[in-house]
N, C-alpha and C. Protein backbone atom coordinates (compact mmCIF):
# COMPACT_ATOMS: atom_id res chain seq x y z
N MET A 1 0.83 -1.22 0.00
CA MET A 1 0.00 0.00 0.00
C MET A 1 0.86 1.26 0.00
N TYR A 2 1.95 1.21 0.76
CA TYR A 2 2.77 2.40 0.90
C TYR A 2 3.73 2.59 -0.28
N PHE A 3 4.08 1.47 -0.97
CA PHE A 3 5.08 1.57 -2.03
C PHE A 3 4.62 2.44 -3.20
N PRO A 4 3.36 2.32 -3.67
CA PRO A 4 2.93 3.22 -4.75
C PRO A 4 3.01 4.69 -4.35
N ILE A 5 2.65 4.99 -3.10
CA ILE A 5 2.72 6.37 -2.62
C ILE A 5 4.16 6.84 -2.59
N LEU A 6 5.05 5.96 -2.10
CA LEU A 6 6.46 6.33 -2.04
C LEU A 6 7.02 6.55 -3.44
N ARG A 7 6.64 5.67 -4.37
CA ARG A 7 7.13 5.81 -5.74
C ARG A 7 6.62 7.11 -6.37
N LEU A 8 5.34 7.41 -6.11
CA LEU A 8 4.76 8.64 -6.65
C LEU A 8 5.45 9.87 -6.07
N THR A 9 5.69 9.82 -4.76
CA THR A 9 6.38 10.93 -4.10
C THR A 9 7.78 11.11 -4.67
N PHE A 10 8.49 9.98 -4.84
CA PHE A 10 9.85 10.03 -5.36
C PHE A 10 9.86 10.56 -6.79
N LEU A 11 8.92 10.08 -7.62
CA LEU A 11 8.84 10.54 -9.00
C LEU A 11 8.51 12.03 -9.06
N GLY A 12 7.56 12.44 -8.23
CA GLY A 12 7.19 13.85 -8.22
C GLY A 12 8.35 14.74 -7.82
N THR A 13 9.10 14.30 -6.81
CA THR A 13 10.26 15.07 -6.35
C THR A 13 11.31 15.16 -7.45
N LEU A 14 11.56 14.04 -8.15
CA LEU A 14 12.54 14.05 -9.25
C LEU A 14 12.11 15.01 -10.36
N LEU A 15 10.83 14.99 -10.70
CA LEU A 15 10.34 15.88 -11.75
C LEU A 15 10.49 17.34 -11.35
N ILE A 16 10.17 17.62 -10.09
CA ILE A 16 10.29 19.00 -9.60
C ILE A 16 11.74 19.46 -9.63
N LEU A 17 12.64 18.61 -9.11
CA LEU A 17 14.06 18.97 -9.07
C LEU A 17 14.61 19.09 -10.48
N GLY A 18 14.19 18.18 -11.36
CA GLY A 18 14.66 18.23 -12.74
C GLY A 18 14.25 19.50 -13.44
N ARG A 19 13.02 19.90 -13.22
CA ARG A 19 12.55 21.12 -13.85
C ARG A 19 13.25 22.35 -13.28
N ALA A 20 13.55 22.30 -11.98
CA ALA A 20 14.26 23.42 -11.35
C ALA A 20 15.65 23.58 -11.94
N ILE A 21 16.29 22.44 -12.31
CA ILE A 21 17.63 22.49 -12.86
C ILE A 21 17.60 22.90 -14.33
N VAL A 22 16.69 22.31 -15.09
CA VAL A 22 16.63 22.56 -16.53
C VAL A 22 16.11 23.96 -16.83
N ALA A 23 15.06 24.38 -16.11
CA ALA A 23 14.46 25.69 -16.39
C ALA A 23 14.15 26.40 -15.10
N PRO A 24 15.20 26.81 -14.37
CA PRO A 24 14.97 27.40 -13.05
C PRO A 24 14.27 28.74 -13.10
N GLY A 25 14.38 29.46 -14.21
CA GLY A 25 13.78 30.79 -14.27
C GLY A 25 12.68 30.88 -15.30
N LEU A 26 11.98 29.77 -15.52
CA LEU A 26 10.96 29.74 -16.56
C LEU A 26 9.84 30.74 -16.27
N GLU A 27 9.41 30.78 -15.02
CA GLU A 27 8.39 31.75 -14.67
C GLU A 27 9.01 32.84 -13.80
N LYS A 28 8.61 34.04 -14.02
CA LYS A 28 9.00 35.13 -13.14
C LYS A 28 7.76 35.59 -12.40
N ALA A 29 7.93 35.87 -11.14
CA ALA A 29 6.80 36.32 -10.35
C ALA A 29 6.22 37.59 -10.97
N THR A 30 4.93 37.62 -11.11
CA THR A 30 4.28 38.78 -11.70
C THR A 30 4.36 39.97 -10.75
N PRO A 31 4.39 41.19 -11.30
CA PRO A 31 4.39 42.37 -10.44
C PRO A 31 3.15 42.37 -9.55
N TYR A 32 3.30 42.94 -8.39
CA TYR A 32 2.19 42.96 -7.44
C TYR A 32 1.54 44.34 -7.45
N THR A 33 0.26 44.38 -7.65
CA THR A 33 -0.50 45.62 -7.57
C THR A 33 -0.96 45.81 -6.13
N PHE A 34 -0.34 46.75 -5.45
CA PHE A 34 -0.68 46.98 -4.05
C PHE A 34 -2.08 47.58 -3.94
N PRO A 35 -2.84 47.18 -2.93
CA PRO A 35 -4.19 47.72 -2.75
C PRO A 35 -4.16 49.21 -2.41
N GLU A 36 -5.19 49.91 -2.83
CA GLU A 36 -5.28 51.34 -2.54
C GLU A 36 -5.41 51.59 -1.05
N GLN A 37 -6.15 50.74 -0.37
CA GLN A 37 -6.29 50.89 1.08
C GLN A 37 -6.52 49.53 1.70
N VAL A 38 -6.15 49.43 2.96
CA VAL A 38 -6.34 48.20 3.73
C VAL A 38 -7.08 48.57 5.00
N ALA A 39 -8.34 48.21 5.07
CA ALA A 39 -9.17 48.57 6.23
C ALA A 39 -8.92 47.59 7.37
N LEU A 40 -8.63 48.12 8.54
CA LEU A 40 -8.44 47.31 9.74
C LEU A 40 -9.44 47.76 10.80
N SER A 41 -9.96 46.82 11.55
CA SER A 41 -11.01 47.15 12.52
C SER A 41 -10.48 47.93 13.71
N ARG A 42 -9.19 47.75 14.03
CA ARG A 42 -8.68 48.36 15.26
C ARG A 42 -8.23 49.81 15.10
N SER A 43 -8.14 50.29 13.86
CA SER A 43 -7.69 51.67 13.66
C SER A 43 -8.20 52.21 12.34
N GLN A 44 -8.42 53.52 12.29
CA GLN A 44 -8.93 54.15 11.08
C GLN A 44 -7.81 54.32 10.06
N PHE A 45 -8.08 53.90 8.83
CA PHE A 45 -7.13 54.09 7.73
C PHE A 45 -7.10 55.56 7.34
N ILE A 46 -5.88 56.10 7.13
CA ILE A 46 -5.74 57.51 6.75
C ILE A 46 -5.40 57.64 5.27
N ASP A 47 -4.26 57.08 4.86
CA ASP A 47 -3.88 57.16 3.45
C ASP A 47 -2.76 56.17 3.15
N ARG A 48 -2.41 56.12 1.87
CA ARG A 48 -1.33 55.26 1.39
C ARG A 48 -0.29 56.13 0.70
N THR A 49 1.00 55.86 0.98
CA THR A 49 2.09 56.63 0.41
C THR A 49 3.09 55.71 -0.27
N ALA A 50 3.48 56.04 -1.50
CA ALA A 50 4.52 55.26 -2.18
C ALA A 50 5.87 55.54 -1.52
N ILE A 51 6.67 54.50 -1.32
CA ILE A 51 7.98 54.64 -0.68
C ILE A 51 9.04 53.91 -1.51
N VAL A 52 10.28 54.34 -1.35
CA VAL A 52 11.43 53.67 -1.96
C VAL A 52 12.49 53.49 -0.90
N SER A 53 12.86 52.25 -0.63
CA SER A 53 13.95 51.96 0.30
C SER A 53 15.22 51.83 -0.53
N LYS A 54 16.15 52.76 -0.34
CA LYS A 54 17.36 52.80 -1.15
C LYS A 54 18.41 51.83 -0.63
N SER A 55 19.04 51.14 -1.56
CA SER A 55 20.04 50.13 -1.20
C SER A 55 21.38 50.79 -0.85
N PHE A 56 22.01 50.29 0.21
CA PHE A 56 23.36 50.73 0.55
C PHE A 56 24.40 49.96 -0.27
N ASN A 57 23.97 48.91 -0.96
CA ASN A 57 24.87 48.09 -1.78
C ASN A 57 24.24 47.89 -3.16
N PRO A 58 24.17 48.97 -3.96
CA PRO A 58 23.45 48.90 -5.24
C PRO A 58 24.04 47.91 -6.23
N LYS A 59 25.31 47.52 -6.03
CA LYS A 59 25.91 46.53 -6.92
C LYS A 59 25.22 45.18 -6.79
N TYR A 60 24.73 44.90 -5.59
CA TYR A 60 24.13 43.59 -5.32
C TYR A 60 22.64 43.66 -4.99
N TRP A 61 22.20 44.81 -4.49
CA TRP A 61 20.81 44.94 -4.08
C TRP A 61 20.20 46.18 -4.73
N SER A 62 19.10 46.00 -5.43
CA SER A 62 18.44 47.14 -6.06
C SER A 62 17.53 47.84 -5.05
N ASN A 63 17.15 49.06 -5.38
CA ASN A 63 16.21 49.78 -4.53
C ASN A 63 14.88 49.04 -4.47
N LEU A 64 14.21 49.16 -3.33
CA LEU A 64 12.94 48.47 -3.13
C LEU A 64 11.79 49.47 -3.13
N GLU A 65 10.86 49.27 -4.03
CA GLU A 65 9.65 50.09 -4.01
C GLU A 65 8.57 49.40 -3.18
N GLY A 66 7.73 50.20 -2.58
CA GLY A 66 6.66 49.64 -1.77
C GLY A 66 5.67 50.72 -1.40
N TYR A 67 4.88 50.45 -0.37
CA TYR A 67 3.89 51.42 0.09
C TYR A 67 3.84 51.44 1.61
N GLN A 68 3.56 52.64 2.12
CA GLN A 68 3.30 52.78 3.55
C GLN A 68 1.82 53.09 3.73
N TYR A 69 1.17 52.28 4.55
CA TYR A 69 -0.25 52.46 4.87
C TYR A 69 -0.33 53.11 6.25
N ASN A 70 -0.91 54.30 6.28
CA ASN A 70 -0.94 55.08 7.51
C ASN A 70 -2.30 54.95 8.20
N TYR A 71 -2.23 54.69 9.50
CA TYR A 71 -3.42 54.54 10.33
C TYR A 71 -3.31 55.46 11.53
N GLN A 72 -4.40 55.64 12.21
CA GLN A 72 -4.35 56.39 13.46
C GLN A 72 -3.57 55.58 14.48
N GLY A 73 -2.41 56.07 14.86
CA GLY A 73 -1.62 55.41 15.90
C GLY A 73 -0.47 54.55 15.42
N PHE A 74 -0.48 54.12 14.15
CA PHE A 74 0.64 53.31 13.65
C PHE A 74 0.68 53.34 12.12
N ASN A 75 1.83 52.89 11.59
CA ASN A 75 2.04 52.82 10.14
C ASN A 75 2.46 51.41 9.76
N VAL A 76 2.17 51.04 8.52
CA VAL A 76 2.53 49.72 8.02
C VAL A 76 3.24 49.87 6.68
N LYS A 77 4.53 49.50 6.64
CA LYS A 77 5.28 49.50 5.38
C LYS A 77 5.29 48.10 4.79
N VAL A 78 5.07 48.01 3.47
CA VAL A 78 5.04 46.71 2.80
C VAL A 78 5.90 46.77 1.54
N HIS A 79 6.85 45.84 1.44
CA HIS A 79 7.66 45.65 0.24
C HIS A 79 7.44 44.23 -0.28
N TYR A 80 7.43 44.11 -1.60
CA TYR A 80 7.26 42.79 -2.24
C TYR A 80 8.60 42.36 -2.82
N LEU A 81 9.19 41.31 -2.25
CA LEU A 81 10.46 40.78 -2.72
C LEU A 81 10.20 39.49 -3.50
N ARG A 82 10.69 39.43 -4.73
CA ARG A 82 10.39 38.29 -5.59
C ARG A 82 11.38 37.14 -5.46
N GLU A 83 12.65 37.44 -5.21
CA GLU A 83 13.67 36.41 -5.04
C GLU A 83 14.45 36.74 -3.78
N THR A 84 14.26 35.97 -2.73
CA THR A 84 14.86 36.33 -1.45
C THR A 84 15.10 35.10 -0.60
N ASP A 85 15.83 35.31 0.50
CA ASP A 85 16.03 34.22 1.46
C ASP A 85 15.28 34.46 2.75
N GLY A 86 14.46 35.53 2.77
CA GLY A 86 13.62 35.79 3.93
C GLY A 86 14.34 36.26 5.17
N ASP A 87 15.56 36.79 5.02
CA ASP A 87 16.35 37.15 6.19
C ASP A 87 16.20 38.64 6.51
N ILE A 88 15.49 38.95 7.57
CA ILE A 88 15.21 40.34 7.94
C ILE A 88 16.49 41.10 8.25
N SER A 89 17.46 40.45 8.90
CA SER A 89 18.73 41.11 9.22
C SER A 89 19.42 41.59 7.95
N THR A 90 19.38 40.78 6.90
CA THR A 90 19.99 41.17 5.63
C THR A 90 19.26 42.37 5.03
N TYR A 91 17.95 42.37 5.12
CA TYR A 91 17.18 43.51 4.61
C TYR A 91 17.58 44.80 5.34
N LEU A 92 17.65 44.72 6.65
CA LEU A 92 17.98 45.91 7.44
C LEU A 92 19.42 46.35 7.20
N ASP A 93 20.33 45.39 6.97
CA ASP A 93 21.72 45.74 6.66
C ASP A 93 21.81 46.47 5.33
N ASN A 94 21.00 46.06 4.36
CA ASN A 94 21.10 46.62 3.01
C ASN A 94 20.21 47.83 2.78
N TYR A 95 19.15 47.97 3.56
CA TYR A 95 18.22 49.08 3.35
C TYR A 95 18.08 49.99 4.58
N GLY A 96 18.55 49.51 5.72
CA GLY A 96 18.47 50.32 6.92
C GLY A 96 17.05 50.54 7.39
N LEU A 97 16.89 51.59 8.14
CA LEU A 97 15.58 51.95 8.69
C LEU A 97 15.29 53.37 8.26
N ASN A 98 14.25 53.55 7.49
CA ASN A 98 13.93 54.87 6.93
C ASN A 98 15.12 55.44 6.16
N ASN A 99 15.78 54.54 5.39
CA ASN A 99 16.94 54.89 4.56
C ASN A 99 18.14 55.36 5.36
N GLN A 100 18.26 54.93 6.60
CA GLN A 100 19.41 55.25 7.43
C GLN A 100 19.99 53.96 8.01
N LYS A 101 21.33 53.89 8.03
CA LYS A 101 21.99 52.75 8.65
C LYS A 101 21.80 52.84 10.16
N VAL A 102 21.44 51.73 10.78
CA VAL A 102 21.18 51.74 12.21
C VAL A 102 21.73 50.47 12.85
N LYS A 103 22.04 50.58 14.13
CA LYS A 103 22.38 49.41 14.94
C LYS A 103 21.20 49.15 15.86
N LEU A 104 20.72 47.92 15.85
CA LEU A 104 19.49 47.62 16.57
C LEU A 104 19.67 46.46 17.53
N ASN A 105 19.01 46.55 18.66
CA ASN A 105 18.87 45.41 19.57
C ASN A 105 17.47 44.83 19.34
N THR A 106 17.43 43.62 18.85
CA THR A 106 16.15 43.05 18.44
C THR A 106 15.76 41.85 19.30
N ILE A 107 14.47 41.57 19.32
CA ILE A 107 13.92 40.41 20.01
C ILE A 107 13.03 39.65 19.03
N ASP A 108 13.30 38.38 18.85
CA ASP A 108 12.47 37.54 17.99
C ASP A 108 11.44 36.78 18.83
N LYS A 109 10.20 36.79 18.36
CA LYS A 109 9.13 36.10 19.08
C LYS A 109 8.30 35.28 18.11
N GLN A 110 7.53 34.37 18.66
CA GLN A 110 6.65 33.53 17.84
C GLN A 110 5.22 33.65 18.35
N GLY A 111 4.29 33.89 17.42
CA GLY A 111 2.88 33.99 17.76
C GLY A 111 2.06 33.05 16.92
N GLN A 112 0.76 33.27 16.89
CA GLN A 112 -0.15 32.41 16.14
C GLN A 112 0.14 32.42 14.64
N SER A 113 0.58 33.56 14.13
CA SER A 113 0.81 33.68 12.69
C SER A 113 2.22 33.29 12.27
N GLY A 114 3.09 33.05 13.24
CA GLY A 114 4.48 32.72 12.92
C GLY A 114 5.45 33.57 13.71
N PHE A 115 6.64 33.77 13.15
CA PHE A 115 7.69 34.53 13.83
C PHE A 115 7.63 36.00 13.43
N TYR A 116 8.09 36.86 14.34
CA TYR A 116 8.21 38.28 14.05
C TYR A 116 9.32 38.85 14.92
N ARG A 117 9.79 40.04 14.57
CA ARG A 117 10.92 40.67 15.27
C ARG A 117 10.50 42.02 15.81
N LEU A 118 10.90 42.30 17.05
CA LEU A 118 10.59 43.56 17.71
C LEU A 118 11.88 44.34 17.97
N PHE A 119 11.79 45.68 17.84
CA PHE A 119 12.91 46.53 18.22
C PHE A 119 12.41 47.95 18.40
N GLU A 120 13.32 48.81 18.85
CA GLU A 120 12.98 50.22 19.10
C GLU A 120 14.11 51.08 18.56
N HIS A 121 13.74 52.24 18.01
CA HIS A 121 14.75 53.19 17.53
C HIS A 121 14.17 54.59 17.56
N ASN A 122 14.89 55.50 18.22
CA ASN A 122 14.48 56.90 18.31
C ASN A 122 13.04 57.07 18.80
N GLN A 123 12.73 56.36 19.88
CA GLN A 123 11.42 56.46 20.51
C GLN A 123 10.26 56.00 19.61
N VAL A 124 10.58 55.11 18.70
CA VAL A 124 9.56 54.49 17.86
C VAL A 124 9.67 52.98 18.02
N ALA A 125 8.55 52.32 18.26
CA ALA A 125 8.52 50.86 18.39
C ALA A 125 8.26 50.23 17.02
N TYR A 126 8.92 49.10 16.77
CA TYR A 126 8.79 48.44 15.47
C TYR A 126 8.49 46.95 15.64
N LEU A 127 7.74 46.42 14.69
CA LEU A 127 7.54 44.98 14.53
C LEU A 127 7.71 44.68 13.05
N THR A 128 8.55 43.70 12.73
CA THR A 128 8.79 43.38 11.33
C THR A 128 8.81 41.88 11.11
N ALA A 129 8.41 41.45 9.92
CA ALA A 129 8.38 40.02 9.59
C ALA A 129 8.26 39.87 8.08
N CYS A 130 8.52 38.66 7.63
CA CYS A 130 8.36 38.29 6.23
C CYS A 130 7.13 37.40 6.11
N ILE A 131 6.09 37.89 5.44
CA ILE A 131 4.92 37.05 5.17
C ILE A 131 5.26 36.14 4.00
N ASN A 132 5.15 34.84 4.21
CA ASN A 132 5.50 33.84 3.20
C ASN A 132 4.29 33.50 2.34
N PRO A 133 4.51 33.02 1.10
CA PRO A 133 3.38 32.60 0.28
C PRO A 133 2.64 31.41 0.86
N ARG A 134 3.38 30.55 1.58
CA ARG A 134 2.79 29.41 2.30
C ARG A 134 3.54 29.24 3.60
N GLY A 135 2.81 28.86 4.66
CA GLY A 135 3.43 28.73 5.97
C GLY A 135 3.37 30.04 6.74
N GLY A 136 3.80 30.00 8.00
CA GLY A 136 3.73 31.18 8.84
C GLY A 136 4.78 32.21 8.50
N SER A 137 4.70 33.37 9.13
CA SER A 137 5.67 34.44 8.91
C SER A 137 7.03 34.05 9.48
N THR A 138 8.08 34.65 8.93
CA THR A 138 9.45 34.30 9.32
C THR A 138 10.29 35.55 9.47
N VAL A 139 11.46 35.38 10.14
CA VAL A 139 12.39 36.51 10.28
C VAL A 139 13.81 36.17 9.86
N ASN A 140 14.10 34.89 9.60
CA ASN A 140 15.45 34.53 9.17
C ASN A 140 15.40 33.45 8.09
N ARG A 141 16.55 33.19 7.48
CA ARG A 141 16.58 32.26 6.33
C ARG A 141 16.28 30.83 6.74
N GLU A 142 16.66 30.43 7.96
CA GLU A 142 16.37 29.06 8.40
C GLU A 142 14.87 28.82 8.46
N GLN A 143 14.14 29.76 9.04
CA GLN A 143 12.68 29.64 9.11
C GLN A 143 12.06 29.71 7.72
N PHE A 144 12.58 30.60 6.89
CA PHE A 144 12.04 30.79 5.54
C PHE A 144 12.18 29.51 4.71
N PHE A 145 13.37 28.91 4.72
CA PHE A 145 13.58 27.71 3.92
C PHE A 145 12.95 26.47 4.55
N ALA A 146 12.74 26.50 5.85
CA ALA A 146 11.96 25.42 6.48
C ALA A 146 10.53 25.45 5.94
N ASN A 147 9.98 26.64 5.75
CA ASN A 147 8.66 26.78 5.14
C ASN A 147 8.67 26.28 3.70
N ARG A 148 9.71 26.64 2.96
CA ARG A 148 9.79 26.21 1.57
C ARG A 148 9.83 24.69 1.48
N ASN A 149 10.64 24.06 2.33
CA ASN A 149 10.76 22.60 2.30
C ASN A 149 9.46 21.93 2.73
N ALA A 150 8.76 22.56 3.67
CA ALA A 150 7.54 21.95 4.21
C ALA A 150 6.33 22.15 3.30
N HIS A 151 6.29 23.27 2.58
CA HIS A 151 5.06 23.63 1.86
C HIS A 151 5.20 23.68 0.34
N ASP A 152 6.40 23.87 -0.18
CA ASP A 152 6.54 24.04 -1.64
C ASP A 152 6.66 22.72 -2.38
N LEU A 153 7.31 21.72 -1.76
CA LEU A 153 7.54 20.44 -2.43
C LEU A 153 6.50 19.42 -2.00
N LYS A 154 5.24 19.68 -2.37
CA LYS A 154 4.14 18.78 -2.03
C LYS A 154 3.51 18.22 -3.30
N LEU A 155 2.88 17.05 -3.13
CA LEU A 155 2.31 16.37 -4.30
C LEU A 155 1.27 17.22 -5.03
N ASP A 156 0.50 18.01 -4.28
CA ASP A 156 -0.54 18.79 -4.95
C ASP A 156 0.02 19.92 -5.79
N ARG A 157 1.35 20.14 -5.72
CA ARG A 157 1.99 21.18 -6.53
C ARG A 157 2.76 20.60 -7.71
N VAL A 158 2.83 19.26 -7.80
CA VAL A 158 3.63 18.63 -8.85
C VAL A 158 3.12 19.02 -10.23
N VAL A 159 1.82 18.86 -10.47
CA VAL A 159 1.26 19.14 -11.79
C VAL A 159 1.42 20.61 -12.16
N PRO A 160 1.05 21.59 -11.30
CA PRO A 160 1.27 22.99 -11.66
C PRO A 160 2.73 23.31 -11.97
N ILE A 161 3.65 22.68 -11.24
CA ILE A 161 5.07 22.93 -11.48
C ILE A 161 5.49 22.40 -12.84
N ILE A 162 5.09 21.16 -13.14
CA ILE A 162 5.46 20.55 -14.42
C ILE A 162 4.86 21.32 -15.59
N LEU A 163 3.65 21.84 -15.41
CA LEU A 163 2.97 22.58 -16.48
C LEU A 163 3.45 24.03 -16.58
N GLY A 164 4.38 24.41 -15.72
CA GLY A 164 4.90 25.77 -15.77
C GLY A 164 4.02 26.79 -15.11
N MET A 165 3.10 26.35 -14.27
CA MET A 165 2.17 27.26 -13.60
C MET A 165 2.67 27.68 -12.23
N ALA A 166 3.76 27.07 -11.76
CA ALA A 166 4.31 27.40 -10.45
C ALA A 166 5.79 27.05 -10.45
N ASP A 167 6.55 27.73 -9.60
CA ASP A 167 7.97 27.44 -9.44
C ASP A 167 8.16 26.36 -8.39
N PRO A 168 9.19 25.52 -8.54
CA PRO A 168 9.45 24.48 -7.53
C PRO A 168 9.64 25.06 -6.14
N ARG A 169 10.34 26.18 -6.06
CA ARG A 169 10.58 26.82 -4.77
C ARG A 169 10.14 28.27 -4.87
N ASP A 170 9.18 28.64 -4.07
CA ASP A 170 8.58 29.97 -4.14
C ASP A 170 9.30 30.90 -3.17
N ALA A 171 10.34 31.57 -3.65
CA ALA A 171 11.20 32.38 -2.78
C ALA A 171 10.76 33.84 -2.78
N ARG A 172 9.48 34.06 -2.49
CA ARG A 172 8.95 35.42 -2.42
C ARG A 172 8.57 35.78 -0.99
N CYS A 173 8.50 37.07 -0.74
CA CYS A 173 8.21 37.53 0.62
C CYS A 173 7.54 38.89 0.56
N LEU A 174 6.54 39.08 1.39
CA LEU A 174 6.03 40.42 1.68
C LEU A 174 6.69 40.88 2.97
N TRP A 175 7.64 41.79 2.83
CA TRP A 175 8.36 42.30 4.01
C TRP A 175 7.52 43.42 4.61
N VAL A 176 7.00 43.16 5.79
CA VAL A 176 6.09 44.09 6.46
C VAL A 176 6.75 44.65 7.72
N THR A 177 6.67 45.96 7.88
CA THR A 177 7.19 46.62 9.08
C THR A 177 6.10 47.52 9.66
N VAL A 178 5.71 47.24 10.89
CA VAL A 178 4.70 48.03 11.59
C VAL A 178 5.41 48.91 12.61
N SER A 179 5.06 50.17 12.68
CA SER A 179 5.73 51.08 13.62
C SER A 179 4.74 52.02 14.28
N ALA A 180 5.10 52.45 15.50
CA ALA A 180 4.26 53.39 16.25
C ALA A 180 5.13 54.16 17.22
N PRO A 181 4.84 55.45 17.41
CA PRO A 181 5.60 56.23 18.40
C PRO A 181 5.34 55.70 19.81
N ILE A 182 6.38 55.68 20.62
CA ILE A 182 6.24 55.16 21.98
C ILE A 182 5.49 56.17 22.86
N GLU A 183 5.81 57.45 22.72
CA GLU A 183 5.15 58.52 23.45
C GLU A 183 5.14 58.25 24.96
N ASN A 184 4.00 58.45 25.62
CA ASN A 184 3.94 58.35 27.08
C ASN A 184 3.56 56.95 27.54
N GLN A 185 4.37 55.98 27.13
CA GLN A 185 4.14 54.60 27.54
C GLN A 185 5.46 53.85 27.51
N SER A 186 5.48 52.67 28.07
CA SER A 186 6.70 51.88 28.06
C SER A 186 6.88 51.21 26.71
N ILE A 187 8.11 50.81 26.41
CA ILE A 187 8.38 50.11 25.16
C ILE A 187 7.63 48.79 25.13
N ASP A 188 7.50 48.13 26.28
CA ASP A 188 6.76 46.86 26.33
C ASP A 188 5.30 47.05 25.94
N THR A 189 4.70 48.12 26.46
CA THR A 189 3.30 48.41 26.13
C THR A 189 3.15 48.72 24.64
N ALA A 190 4.08 49.51 24.11
CA ALA A 190 4.04 49.84 22.68
C ALA A 190 4.16 48.59 21.82
N HIS A 191 5.05 47.68 22.22
CA HIS A 191 5.23 46.45 21.45
C HIS A 191 4.00 45.54 21.56
N GLN A 192 3.37 45.52 22.71
CA GLN A 192 2.15 44.73 22.87
C GLN A 192 1.05 45.24 21.94
N GLN A 193 0.97 46.54 21.79
CA GLN A 193 -0.03 47.12 20.89
C GLN A 193 0.28 46.76 19.43
N LEU A 194 1.57 46.76 19.08
CA LEU A 194 1.95 46.36 17.73
C LEU A 194 1.66 44.89 17.49
N GLU A 195 1.90 44.06 18.49
CA GLU A 195 1.62 42.63 18.36
C GLU A 195 0.13 42.37 18.13
N ALA A 196 -0.70 43.13 18.82
CA ALA A 196 -2.15 42.99 18.62
C ALA A 196 -2.54 43.43 17.22
N ALA A 197 -1.96 44.54 16.75
CA ALA A 197 -2.25 45.02 15.40
C ALA A 197 -1.72 44.05 14.35
N TRP A 198 -0.58 43.44 14.62
CA TRP A 198 0.04 42.52 13.67
C TRP A 198 -0.86 41.34 13.34
N GLN A 199 -1.58 40.83 14.32
CA GLN A 199 -2.45 39.69 14.06
C GLN A 199 -3.49 40.02 12.99
N GLU A 200 -4.05 41.22 13.06
CA GLU A 200 -5.04 41.61 12.07
C GLU A 200 -4.39 41.95 10.73
N ILE A 201 -3.22 42.58 10.79
CA ILE A 201 -2.49 42.91 9.56
C ILE A 201 -2.13 41.63 8.81
N TYR A 202 -1.60 40.66 9.54
CA TYR A 202 -1.23 39.39 8.91
C TYR A 202 -2.45 38.69 8.33
N ALA A 203 -3.54 38.68 9.09
CA ALA A 203 -4.76 38.00 8.64
C ALA A 203 -5.31 38.63 7.36
N TRP A 204 -5.05 39.93 7.15
CA TRP A 204 -5.52 40.58 5.92
C TRP A 204 -4.60 40.26 4.75
N TRP A 205 -3.27 40.37 4.95
CA TRP A 205 -2.33 40.26 3.84
C TRP A 205 -2.05 38.81 3.41
N PHE A 206 -1.99 37.88 4.35
CA PHE A 206 -1.58 36.52 4.00
C PHE A 206 -2.46 35.87 2.93
N PRO A 207 -3.79 35.86 3.08
CA PRO A 207 -4.61 35.21 2.04
C PRO A 207 -4.60 35.95 0.72
N LYS A 208 -4.11 37.19 0.71
CA LYS A 208 -4.05 37.98 -0.53
C LYS A 208 -2.64 38.01 -1.10
N PHE A 209 -1.79 37.09 -0.63
CA PHE A 209 -0.43 37.05 -1.16
C PHE A 209 -0.49 36.92 -2.68
N PRO A 210 0.29 37.72 -3.41
CA PRO A 210 0.19 37.71 -4.88
C PRO A 210 0.48 36.34 -5.48
N LYS A 211 -0.28 35.98 -6.50
CA LYS A 211 -0.07 34.72 -7.20
C LYS A 211 1.17 34.83 -8.09
N VAL A 212 1.77 33.68 -8.38
CA VAL A 212 2.95 33.67 -9.25
C VAL A 212 2.54 34.03 -10.67
């Protein structure tokens, strides 16, 4: 009973790997049309602003275009990365914070939606994470590729991959950064508020992750 399943799994894996080797760049991720607004129940939406995160290493990293969604009490920056390893530290090293190089003390945590990273800079609290096309959110390459191994190489994706409708390994990420001024409260309280907002932000963006 198990041998046909094992053979099918083995054959599917070989086909996927073979296609990745023969035509690794057959499909390119389509450009993502960012929504005009993202309504959240916990805060009133104000507006959307186009942003460009400039690379400190233009030889290897191009500038990143994205959008900042402004709400009463906090802001949400979203960048769409098409080929990445999901490593937040690398993003911050290459793009900084608000186009400035910074040194940060960060805390990584895990919640219902996955992993996220907390930090503070100039009296502003931040929460950042990489929303994956499949699997929970991540903050480093180990978590990102664990998601790829767990969710990308599955039998239900064999046919779309062979037909050229999907890539064997979906190395895309929505890099999301939520920020809010600390003002007259502790950093812990500010981060707790961001964590609460993050659950709703993630719940909105994850099911709308752009198709390949």
